[in-house]
mmCIF file of all heavy atoms, coordinates in Angstrom:
data_MODEL
# 
_entry.id   MODEL 
# 
loop_
_atom_site.group_PDB 
_atom_site.id 
_atom_site.type_symbol 
_atom_site.label_atom_id 
_atom_site.label_alt_id 
_atom_site.label_comp_id 
_atom_site.label_asym_id 
_atom_site.label_entity_id 
_atom_site.label_seq_id 
_atom_site.pdbx_PDB_ins_code 
_atom_site.Cartn_x 
_atom_site.Cartn_y 
_atom_site.Cartn_z 
_atom_site.occupancy 
_atom_site.B_iso_or_equiv 
_atom_site.pdbx_formal_charge 
_atom_site.auth_seq_id 
_atom_site.auth_comp_id 
_atom_site.auth_asym_id 
_atom_site.auth_atom_id 
_atom_site.pdbx_PDB_model_num 
ATOM 1   N N   . ASP A 1 1  ? -7.278  -7.850 10.664  1.00 0.00 ? 1  ASP A N   1 
ATOM 2   C CA  . ASP A 1 1  ? -8.034  -7.938 9.421   1.00 0.00 ? 1  ASP A CA  1 
ATOM 3   C C   . ASP A 1 1  ? -7.603  -6.874 8.411   1.00 0.00 ? 1  ASP A C   1 
ATOM 4   O O   . ASP A 1 1  ? -8.138  -6.824 7.303   1.00 0.00 ? 1  ASP A O   1 
ATOM 5   C CB  . ASP A 1 1  ? -9.545  -7.882 9.673   1.00 0.00 ? 1  ASP A CB  1 
ATOM 6   C CG  . ASP A 1 1  ? -9.989  -6.641 10.439  1.00 0.00 ? 1  ASP A CG  1 
ATOM 7   O OD1 . ASP A 1 1  ? -9.134  -5.798 10.761  1.00 0.00 ? 1  ASP A OD1 1 
ATOM 8   O OD2 . ASP A 1 1  ? -11.196 -6.531 10.740  1.00 0.00 ? 1  ASP A OD2 1 
ATOM 9   N N   . ARG A 1 2  ? -6.631  -6.026 8.765   1.00 0.00 ? 2  ARG A N   1 
ATOM 10  C CA  . ARG A 1 2  ? -6.136  -5.041 7.800   1.00 0.00 ? 2  ARG A CA  1 
ATOM 11  C C   . ARG A 1 2  ? -4.673  -4.716 8.057   1.00 0.00 ? 2  ARG A C   1 
ATOM 12  O O   . ARG A 1 2  ? -4.134  -4.988 9.128   1.00 0.00 ? 2  ARG A O   1 
ATOM 13  C CB  . ARG A 1 2  ? -6.997  -3.773 7.813   1.00 0.00 ? 2  ARG A CB  1 
ATOM 14  C CG  . ARG A 1 2  ? -6.965  -3.018 9.099   1.00 0.00 ? 2  ARG A CG  1 
ATOM 15  C CD  . ARG A 1 2  ? -8.077  -1.961 9.128   1.00 0.00 ? 2  ARG A CD  1 
ATOM 16  N NE  . ARG A 1 2  ? -7.977  -1.164 10.327  1.00 0.00 ? 2  ARG A NE  1 
ATOM 17  C CZ  . ARG A 1 2  ? -7.568  0.102  10.357  1.00 0.00 ? 2  ARG A CZ  1 
ATOM 18  N NH1 . ARG A 1 2  ? -7.229  0.724  9.254   1.00 0.00 ? 2  ARG A NH1 1 
ATOM 19  N NH2 . ARG A 1 2  ? -7.500  0.750  11.490  1.00 0.00 ? 2  ARG A NH2 1 
ATOM 20  N N   . PHE A 1 3  ? -4.042  -4.158 7.013   1.00 0.00 ? 3  PHE A N   1 
ATOM 21  C CA  . PHE A 1 3  ? -2.633  -3.790 7.127   1.00 0.00 ? 3  PHE A CA  1 
ATOM 22  C C   . PHE A 1 3  ? -2.330  -2.640 6.170   1.00 0.00 ? 3  PHE A C   1 
ATOM 23  O O   . PHE A 1 3  ? -3.083  -2.357 5.239   1.00 0.00 ? 3  PHE A O   1 
ATOM 24  C CB  . PHE A 1 3  ? -1.721  -4.988 6.796   1.00 0.00 ? 3  PHE A CB  1 
ATOM 25  C CG  . PHE A 1 3  ? -1.640  -5.308 5.325   1.00 0.00 ? 3  PHE A CG  1 
ATOM 26  C CD1 . PHE A 1 3  ? -0.612  -4.802 4.544   1.00 0.00 ? 3  PHE A CD1 1 
ATOM 27  C CD2 . PHE A 1 3  ? -2.597  -6.104 4.722   1.00 0.00 ? 3  PHE A CD2 1 
ATOM 28  C CE1 . PHE A 1 3  ? -0.540  -5.085 3.181   1.00 0.00 ? 3  PHE A CE1 1 
ATOM 29  C CE2 . PHE A 1 3  ? -2.541  -6.388 3.363   1.00 0.00 ? 3  PHE A CE2 1 
ATOM 30  C CZ  . PHE A 1 3  ? -1.500  -5.874 2.592   1.00 0.00 ? 3  PHE A CZ  1 
ATOM 31  N N   . PHE A 1 4  ? -1.209  -1.987 6.421   1.00 0.00 ? 4  PHE A N   1 
ATOM 32  C CA  . PHE A 1 4  ? -0.696  -0.964 5.515   1.00 0.00 ? 4  PHE A CA  1 
ATOM 33  C C   . PHE A 1 4  ? 0.745   -1.286 5.150   1.00 0.00 ? 4  PHE A C   1 
ATOM 34  O O   . PHE A 1 4  ? 1.425   -2.033 5.870   1.00 0.00 ? 4  PHE A O   1 
ATOM 35  C CB  . PHE A 1 4  ? -0.774  0.423  6.161   1.00 0.00 ? 4  PHE A CB  1 
ATOM 36  C CG  . PHE A 1 4  ? -2.171  0.962  6.226   1.00 0.00 ? 4  PHE A CG  1 
ATOM 37  C CD1 . PHE A 1 4  ? -2.922  0.822  7.380   1.00 0.00 ? 4  PHE A CD1 1 
ATOM 38  C CD2 . PHE A 1 4  ? -2.747  1.579  5.138   1.00 0.00 ? 4  PHE A CD2 1 
ATOM 39  C CE1 . PHE A 1 4  ? -4.221  1.299  7.455   1.00 0.00 ? 4  PHE A CE1 1 
ATOM 40  C CE2 . PHE A 1 4  ? -4.051  2.049  5.191   1.00 0.00 ? 4  PHE A CE2 1 
ATOM 41  C CZ  . PHE A 1 4  ? -4.783  1.918  6.351   1.00 0.00 ? 4  PHE A CZ  1 
ATOM 42  N N   . THR A 1 5  ? 1.181   -0.707 4.056   1.00 0.00 ? 5  THR A N   1 
ATOM 43  C CA  . THR A 1 5  ? 2.510   -0.994 3.529   1.00 0.00 ? 5  THR A CA  1 
ATOM 44  C C   . THR A 1 5  ? 3.394   0.244  3.591   1.00 0.00 ? 5  THR A C   1 
ATOM 45  O O   . THR A 1 5  ? 2.934   1.357  3.341   1.00 0.00 ? 5  THR A O   1 
ATOM 46  C CB  . THR A 1 5  ? 2.386   -1.486 2.073   1.00 0.00 ? 5  THR A CB  1 
ATOM 47  O OG1 . THR A 1 5  ? 1.549   -2.645 2.060   1.00 0.00 ? 5  THR A OG1 1 
ATOM 48  C CG2 . THR A 1 5  ? 3.728   -1.855 1.498   1.00 0.00 ? 5  THR A CG2 1 
ATOM 49  N N   . ILE A 1 6  ? 4.664   0.003  3.913   1.00 0.00 ? 6  ILE A N   1 
ATOM 50  C CA  . ILE A 1 6  ? 5.703   1.030  3.869   1.00 0.00 ? 6  ILE A CA  1 
ATOM 51  C C   . ILE A 1 6  ? 6.670   0.624  2.768   1.00 0.00 ? 6  ILE A C   1 
ATOM 52  O O   . ILE A 1 6  ? 7.150   -0.517 2.762   1.00 0.00 ? 6  ILE A O   1 
ATOM 53  C CB  . ILE A 1 6  ? 6.454   1.117  5.229   1.00 0.00 ? 6  ILE A CB  1 
ATOM 54  C CG1 . ILE A 1 6  ? 5.472   1.249  6.404   1.00 0.00 ? 6  ILE A CG1 1 
ATOM 55  C CG2 . ILE A 1 6  ? 7.479   2.248  5.204   1.00 0.00 ? 6  ILE A CG2 1 
ATOM 56  C CD1 . ILE A 1 6  ? 4.558   2.449  6.353   1.00 0.00 ? 6  ILE A CD1 1 
ATOM 57  N N   . ASP A 1 7  ? 6.957   1.540  1.820   1.00 0.00 ? 7  ASP A N   1 
ATOM 58  C CA  . ASP A 1 7  ? 7.849   1.149  0.722   1.00 0.00 ? 7  ASP A CA  1 
ATOM 59  C C   . ASP A 1 7  ? 9.319   1.211  1.159   1.00 0.00 ? 7  ASP A C   1 
ATOM 60  O O   . ASP A 1 7  ? 9.632   1.557  2.300   1.00 0.00 ? 7  ASP A O   1 
ATOM 61  C CB  . ASP A 1 7  ? 7.571   1.983  -0.537  1.00 0.00 ? 7  ASP A CB  1 
ATOM 62  C CG  . ASP A 1 7  ? 8.051   3.434  -0.448  1.00 0.00 ? 7  ASP A CG  1 
ATOM 63  O OD1 . ASP A 1 7  ? 8.813   3.779  0.477   1.00 0.00 ? 7  ASP A OD1 1 
ATOM 64  O OD2 . ASP A 1 7  ? 7.667   4.230  -1.327  1.00 0.00 ? 7  ASP A OD2 1 
ATOM 65  N N   . ASP A 1 8  ? 10.225  0.856  0.235   1.00 0.00 ? 8  ASP A N   1 
ATOM 66  C CA  . ASP A 1 8  ? 11.638  0.717  0.613   1.00 0.00 ? 8  ASP A CA  1 
ATOM 67  C C   . ASP A 1 8  ? 12.313  2.047  0.960   1.00 0.00 ? 8  ASP A C   1 
ATOM 68  O O   . ASP A 1 8  ? 13.431  2.062  1.470   1.00 0.00 ? 8  ASP A O   1 
ATOM 69  C CB  . ASP A 1 8  ? 12.423  -0.016 -0.477  1.00 0.00 ? 8  ASP A CB  1 
ATOM 70  C CG  . ASP A 1 8  ? 12.356  0.690  -1.824  1.00 0.00 ? 8  ASP A CG  1 
ATOM 71  O OD1 . ASP A 1 8  ? 11.568  1.659  -1.968  1.00 0.00 ? 8  ASP A OD1 1 
ATOM 72  O OD2 . ASP A 1 8  ? 13.088  0.286  -2.737  1.00 0.00 ? 8  ASP A OD2 1 
ATOM 73  N N   . ARG A 1 9  ? 11.619  3.166  0.713   1.00 0.00 ? 9  ARG A N   1 
ATOM 74  C CA  . ARG A 1 9  ? 12.171  4.480  1.116   1.00 0.00 ? 9  ARG A CA  1 
ATOM 75  C C   . ARG A 1 9  ? 11.634  4.907  2.482   1.00 0.00 ? 9  ARG A C   1 
ATOM 76  O O   . ARG A 1 9  ? 11.933  6.001  2.956   1.00 0.00 ? 9  ARG A O   1 
ATOM 77  C CB  . ARG A 1 9  ? 11.793  5.553  0.079   1.00 0.00 ? 9  ARG A CB  1 
ATOM 78  C CG  . ARG A 1 9  ? 12.294  5.282  -1.330  1.00 0.00 ? 9  ARG A CG  1 
ATOM 79  C CD  . ARG A 1 9  ? 11.541  6.144  -2.344  1.00 0.00 ? 9  ARG A CD  1 
ATOM 80  N NE  . ARG A 1 9  ? 10.102  5.879  -2.297  1.00 0.00 ? 9  ARG A NE  1 
ATOM 81  C CZ  . ARG A 1 9  ? 9.184   6.645  -2.863  1.00 0.00 ? 9  ARG A CZ  1 
ATOM 82  N NH1 . ARG A 1 9  ? 9.540   7.747  -3.501  1.00 0.00 ? 9  ARG A NH1 1 
ATOM 83  N NH2 . ARG A 1 9  ? 7.911   6.340  -2.773  1.00 0.00 ? 9  ARG A NH2 1 
ATOM 84  N N   . GLY A 1 10 ? 10.774  4.048  3.067   1.00 0.00 ? 10 GLY A N   1 
ATOM 85  C CA  . GLY A 1 10 ? 10.164  4.411  4.340   1.00 0.00 ? 10 GLY A CA  1 
ATOM 86  C C   . GLY A 1 10 ? 8.912   5.248  4.175   1.00 0.00 ? 10 GLY A C   1 
ATOM 87  O O   . GLY A 1 10 ? 8.410   5.827  5.139   1.00 0.00 ? 10 GLY A O   1 
ATOM 88  N N   . GLN A 1 11 ? 8.385   5.293  2.942   1.00 0.00 ? 11 GLN A N   1 
ATOM 89  C CA  . GLN A 1 11 ? 7.185   6.096  2.666   1.00 0.00 ? 11 GLN A CA  1 
ATOM 90  C C   . GLN A 1 11 ? 5.917   5.244  2.821   1.00 0.00 ? 11 GLN A C   1 
ATOM 91  O O   . GLN A 1 11 ? 5.882   4.079  2.429   1.00 0.00 ? 11 GLN A O   1 
ATOM 92  C CB  . GLN A 1 11 ? 7.240   6.655  1.235   1.00 0.00 ? 11 GLN A CB  1 
ATOM 93  C CG  . GLN A 1 11 ? 8.422   7.576  0.971   1.00 0.00 ? 11 GLN A CG  1 
ATOM 94  C CD  . GLN A 1 11 ? 8.335   8.861  1.780   1.00 0.00 ? 11 GLN A CD  1 
ATOM 95  O OE1 . GLN A 1 11 ? 7.337   9.548  1.746   1.00 0.00 ? 11 GLN A OE1 1 
ATOM 96  N NE2 . GLN A 1 11 ? 9.400   9.156  2.497   1.00 0.00 ? 11 GLN A NE2 1 
ATOM 97  N N   . PHE A 1 12 ? 4.883   5.861  3.374   1.00 0.00 ? 12 PHE A N   1 
ATOM 98  C CA  . PHE A 1 12 ? 3.592   5.217  3.564   1.00 0.00 ? 12 PHE A CA  1 
ATOM 99  C C   . PHE A 1 12 ? 2.853   5.097  2.233   1.00 0.00 ? 12 PHE A C   1 
ATOM 100 O O   . PHE A 1 12 ? 2.789   6.058  1.466   1.00 0.00 ? 12 PHE A O   1 
ATOM 101 C CB  . PHE A 1 12 ? 2.773   6.063  4.547   1.00 0.00 ? 12 PHE A CB  1 
ATOM 102 C CG  . PHE A 1 12 ? 1.369   5.586  4.779   1.00 0.00 ? 12 PHE A CG  1 
ATOM 103 C CD1 . PHE A 1 12 ? 1.126   4.422  5.482   1.00 0.00 ? 12 PHE A CD1 1 
ATOM 104 C CD2 . PHE A 1 12 ? 0.284   6.325  4.311   1.00 0.00 ? 12 PHE A CD2 1 
ATOM 105 C CE1 . PHE A 1 12 ? -0.179  3.977  5.715   1.00 0.00 ? 12 PHE A CE1 1 
ATOM 106 C CE2 . PHE A 1 12 ? -1.017  5.898  4.544   1.00 0.00 ? 12 PHE A CE2 1 
ATOM 107 C CZ  . PHE A 1 12 ? -1.242  4.723  5.249   1.00 0.00 ? 12 PHE A CZ  1 
ATOM 108 N N   . VAL A 1 13 ? 2.316   3.910  1.954   1.00 0.00 ? 13 VAL A N   1 
ATOM 109 C CA  . VAL A 1 13 ? 1.520   3.690  0.743   1.00 0.00 ? 13 VAL A CA  1 
ATOM 110 C C   . VAL A 1 13 ? 0.045   3.663  1.151   1.00 0.00 ? 13 VAL A C   1 
ATOM 111 O O   . VAL A 1 13 ? -0.358  2.829  1.964   1.00 0.00 ? 13 VAL A O   1 
ATOM 112 C CB  . VAL A 1 13 ? 1.898   2.359  0.057   1.00 0.00 ? 13 VAL A CB  1 
ATOM 113 C CG1 . VAL A 1 13 ? 1.065   2.167  -1.211  1.00 0.00 ? 13 VAL A CG1 1 
ATOM 114 C CG2 . VAL A 1 13 ? 3.386   2.324  -0.268  1.00 0.00 ? 13 VAL A CG2 1 
ATOM 115 N N   . SER A 1 14 ? -0.747  4.569  0.607   1.00 0.00 ? 14 SER A N   1 
ATOM 116 C CA  . SER A 1 14 ? -2.150  4.662  1.042   1.00 0.00 ? 14 SER A CA  1 
ATOM 117 C C   . SER A 1 14 ? -2.946  3.437  0.583   1.00 0.00 ? 14 SER A C   1 
ATOM 118 O O   . SER A 1 14 ? -2.608  2.769  -0.392  1.00 0.00 ? 14 SER A O   1 
ATOM 119 C CB  . SER A 1 14 ? -2.794  5.941  0.494   1.00 0.00 ? 14 SER A CB  1 
ATOM 120 O OG  . SER A 1 14 ? -2.941  5.849  -0.903  1.00 0.00 ? 14 SER A OG  1 
ATOM 121 N N   . GLY A 1 15 ? -4.034  3.160  1.318   1.00 0.00 ? 15 GLY A N   1 
ATOM 122 C CA  . GLY A 1 15 ? -4.826  1.968  1.071   1.00 0.00 ? 15 GLY A CA  1 
ATOM 123 C C   . GLY A 1 15 ? -5.464  1.920  -0.305  1.00 0.00 ? 15 GLY A C   1 
ATOM 124 O O   . GLY A 1 15 ? -5.603  0.845  -0.893  1.00 0.00 ? 15 GLY A O   1 
ATOM 125 N N   . ASP A 1 16 ? -5.842  3.083  -0.851  1.00 0.00 ? 16 ASP A N   1 
ATOM 126 C CA  . ASP A 1 16 ? -6.463  3.035  -2.176  1.00 0.00 ? 16 ASP A CA  1 
ATOM 127 C C   . ASP A 1 16 ? -5.426  2.744  -3.262  1.00 0.00 ? 16 ASP A C   1 
ATOM 128 O O   . ASP A 1 16 ? -5.705  2.001  -4.210  1.00 0.00 ? 16 ASP A O   1 
ATOM 129 C CB  . ASP A 1 16 ? -7.265  4.305  -2.483  1.00 0.00 ? 16 ASP A CB  1 
ATOM 130 C CG  . ASP A 1 16 ? -6.516  5.597  -2.240  1.00 0.00 ? 16 ASP A CG  1 
ATOM 131 O OD1 . ASP A 1 16 ? -5.420  5.569  -1.637  1.00 0.00 ? 16 ASP A OD1 1 
ATOM 132 O OD2 . ASP A 1 16 ? -7.028  6.659  -2.646  1.00 0.00 ? 16 ASP A OD2 1 
ATOM 133 N N   . PHE A 1 17 ? -4.201  3.266  -3.111  1.00 0.00 ? 17 PHE A N   1 
ATOM 134 C CA  . PHE A 1 17 ? -3.178  2.957  -4.117  1.00 0.00 ? 17 PHE A CA  1 
ATOM 135 C C   . PHE A 1 17 ? -2.782  1.482  -4.061  1.00 0.00 ? 17 PHE A C   1 
ATOM 136 O O   . PHE A 1 17 ? -2.547  0.852  -5.082  1.00 0.00 ? 17 PHE A O   1 
ATOM 137 C CB  . PHE A 1 17 ? -1.952  3.864  -3.949  1.00 0.00 ? 17 PHE A CB  1 
ATOM 138 C CG  . PHE A 1 17 ? -2.219  5.298  -4.337  1.00 0.00 ? 17 PHE A CG  1 
ATOM 139 C CD1 . PHE A 1 17 ? -1.323  6.299  -4.016  1.00 0.00 ? 17 PHE A CD1 1 
ATOM 140 C CD2 . PHE A 1 17 ? -3.367  5.654  -5.031  1.00 0.00 ? 17 PHE A CD2 1 
ATOM 141 C CE1 . PHE A 1 17 ? -1.572  7.626  -4.374  1.00 0.00 ? 17 PHE A CE1 1 
ATOM 142 C CE2 . PHE A 1 17 ? -3.634  6.968  -5.385  1.00 0.00 ? 17 PHE A CE2 1 
ATOM 143 C CZ  . PHE A 1 17 ? -2.733  7.951  -5.063  1.00 0.00 ? 17 PHE A CZ  1 
ATOM 144 N N   . LEU A 1 18 ? -2.730  0.931  -2.845  1.00 0.00 ? 18 LEU A N   1 
ATOM 145 C CA  . LEU A 1 18 ? -2.419  -0.495 -2.735  1.00 0.00 ? 18 LEU A CA  1 
ATOM 146 C C   . LEU A 1 18 ? -3.562  -1.336 -3.318  1.00 0.00 ? 18 LEU A C   1 
ATOM 147 O O   . LEU A 1 18 ? -3.324  -2.383 -3.929  1.00 0.00 ? 18 LEU A O   1 
ATOM 148 C CB  . LEU A 1 18 ? -2.157  -0.881 -1.279  1.00 0.00 ? 18 LEU A CB  1 
ATOM 149 C CG  . LEU A 1 18 ? -1.400  -2.202 -1.108  1.00 0.00 ? 18 LEU A CG  1 
ATOM 150 C CD1 . LEU A 1 18 ? -0.038  -2.168 -1.786  1.00 0.00 ? 18 LEU A CD1 1 
ATOM 151 C CD2 . LEU A 1 18 ? -1.216  -2.549 0.358   1.00 0.00 ? 18 LEU A CD2 1 
ATOM 152 N N   . THR A 1 19 ? -4.797  -0.858 -3.165  1.00 0.00 ? 19 THR A N   1 
ATOM 153 C CA  . THR A 1 19 ? -5.940  -1.529 -3.801  1.00 0.00 ? 19 THR A CA  1 
ATOM 154 C C   . THR A 1 19 ? -5.737  -1.602 -5.308  1.00 0.00 ? 19 THR A C   1 
ATOM 155 O O   . THR A 1 19 ? -5.937  -2.653 -5.929  1.00 0.00 ? 19 THR A O   1 
ATOM 156 C CB  . THR A 1 19 ? -7.256  -0.784 -3.489  1.00 0.00 ? 19 THR A CB  1 
ATOM 157 O OG1 . THR A 1 19 ? -7.496  -0.827 -2.083  1.00 0.00 ? 19 THR A OG1 1 
ATOM 158 C CG2 . THR A 1 19 ? -8.435  -1.402 -4.229  1.00 0.00 ? 19 THR A CG2 1 
ATOM 159 N N   . ALA A 1 20 ? -5.313  -0.479 -5.905  1.00 0.00 ? 20 ALA A N   1 
ATOM 160 C CA  . ALA A 1 20 ? -5.084  -0.442 -7.355  1.00 0.00 ? 20 ALA A CA  1 
ATOM 161 C C   . ALA A 1 20 ? -3.957  -1.395 -7.765  1.00 0.00 ? 20 ALA A C   1 
ATOM 162 O O   . ALA A 1 20 ? -4.074  -2.119 -8.760  1.00 0.00 ? 20 ALA A O   1 
ATOM 163 C CB  . ALA A 1 20 ? -4.756  0.984  -7.793  1.00 0.00 ? 20 ALA A CB  1 
ATOM 164 N N   . LEU A 1 21 ? -2.866  -1.418 -6.989  1.00 0.00 ? 21 LEU A N   1 
ATOM 165 C CA  . LEU A 1 21 ? -1.736  -2.299 -7.306  1.00 0.00 ? 21 LEU A CA  1 
ATOM 166 C C   . LEU A 1 21 ? -2.136  -3.772 -7.211  1.00 0.00 ? 21 LEU A C   1 
ATOM 167 O O   . LEU A 1 21 ? -1.819  -4.576 -8.096  1.00 0.00 ? 21 LEU A O   1 
ATOM 168 C CB  . LEU A 1 21 ? -0.571  -2.025 -6.350  1.00 0.00 ? 21 LEU A CB  1 
ATOM 169 C CG  . LEU A 1 21 ? 0.219   -0.735 -6.587  1.00 0.00 ? 21 LEU A CG  1 
ATOM 170 C CD1 . LEU A 1 21 ? 1.139   -0.440 -5.403  1.00 0.00 ? 21 LEU A CD1 1 
ATOM 171 C CD2 . LEU A 1 21 ? 1.043   -0.851 -7.867  1.00 0.00 ? 21 LEU A CD2 1 
ATOM 172 N N   . MET A 1 22 ? -2.840  -4.113 -6.131  1.00 0.00 ? 22 MET A N   1 
ATOM 173 C CA  . MET A 1 22 ? -3.240  -5.512 -5.964  1.00 0.00 ? 22 MET A CA  1 
ATOM 174 C C   . MET A 1 22 ? -4.310  -5.909 -6.979  1.00 0.00 ? 22 MET A C   1 
ATOM 175 O O   . MET A 1 22 ? -4.347  -7.058 -7.440  1.00 0.00 ? 22 MET A O   1 
ATOM 176 C CB  . MET A 1 22 ? -3.710  -5.745 -4.528  1.00 0.00 ? 22 MET A CB  1 
ATOM 177 C CG  . MET A 1 22 ? -2.555  -5.657 -3.534  1.00 0.00 ? 22 MET A CG  1 
ATOM 178 S SD  . MET A 1 22 ? -3.069  -5.690 -1.801  1.00 0.00 ? 22 MET A SD  1 
ATOM 179 C CE  . MET A 1 22 ? -3.501  -7.404 -1.615  1.00 0.00 ? 22 MET A CE  1 
ATOM 180 N N   . ALA A 1 23 ? -5.147  -4.952 -7.362  1.00 0.00 ? 23 ALA A N   1 
ATOM 181 C CA  . ALA A 1 23 ? -6.146  -5.223 -8.405  1.00 0.00 ? 23 ALA A CA  1 
ATOM 182 C C   . ALA A 1 23 ? -5.459  -5.600 -9.714  1.00 0.00 ? 23 ALA A C   1 
ATOM 183 O O   . ALA A 1 23 ? -5.884  -6.530 -10.410 1.00 0.00 ? 23 ALA A O   1 
ATOM 184 C CB  . ALA A 1 23 ? -7.035  -4.000 -8.602  1.00 0.00 ? 23 ALA A CB  1 
ATOM 185 N N   . GLN A 1 24 ? -4.379  -4.881 -10.042 1.00 0.00 ? 24 GLN A N   1 
ATOM 186 C CA  . GLN A 1 24 ? -3.650  -5.184 -11.279 1.00 0.00 ? 24 GLN A CA  1 
ATOM 187 C C   . GLN A 1 24 ? -3.078  -6.602 -11.252 1.00 0.00 ? 24 GLN A C   1 
ATOM 188 O O   . GLN A 1 24 ? -3.112  -7.325 -12.243 1.00 0.00 ? 24 GLN A O   1 
ATOM 189 C CB  . GLN A 1 24 ? -2.545  -4.154 -11.501 1.00 0.00 ? 24 GLN A CB  1 
ATOM 190 C CG  . GLN A 1 24 ? -3.091  -2.778 -11.864 1.00 0.00 ? 24 GLN A CG  1 
ATOM 191 C CD  . GLN A 1 24 ? -2.010  -1.713 -11.911 1.00 0.00 ? 24 GLN A CD  1 
ATOM 192 O OE1 . GLN A 1 24 ? -1.176  -1.604 -11.014 1.00 0.00 ? 24 GLN A OE1 1 
ATOM 193 N NE2 . GLN A 1 24 ? -2.011  -0.921 -12.956 1.00 0.00 ? 24 GLN A NE2 1 
# 
């Protein structure tokens, strides 16, 4: 029921920042 994202540099993207991106 949940997931996290790793960007193309191998860096972890926090859940609140992904919330902001998906909200946009």
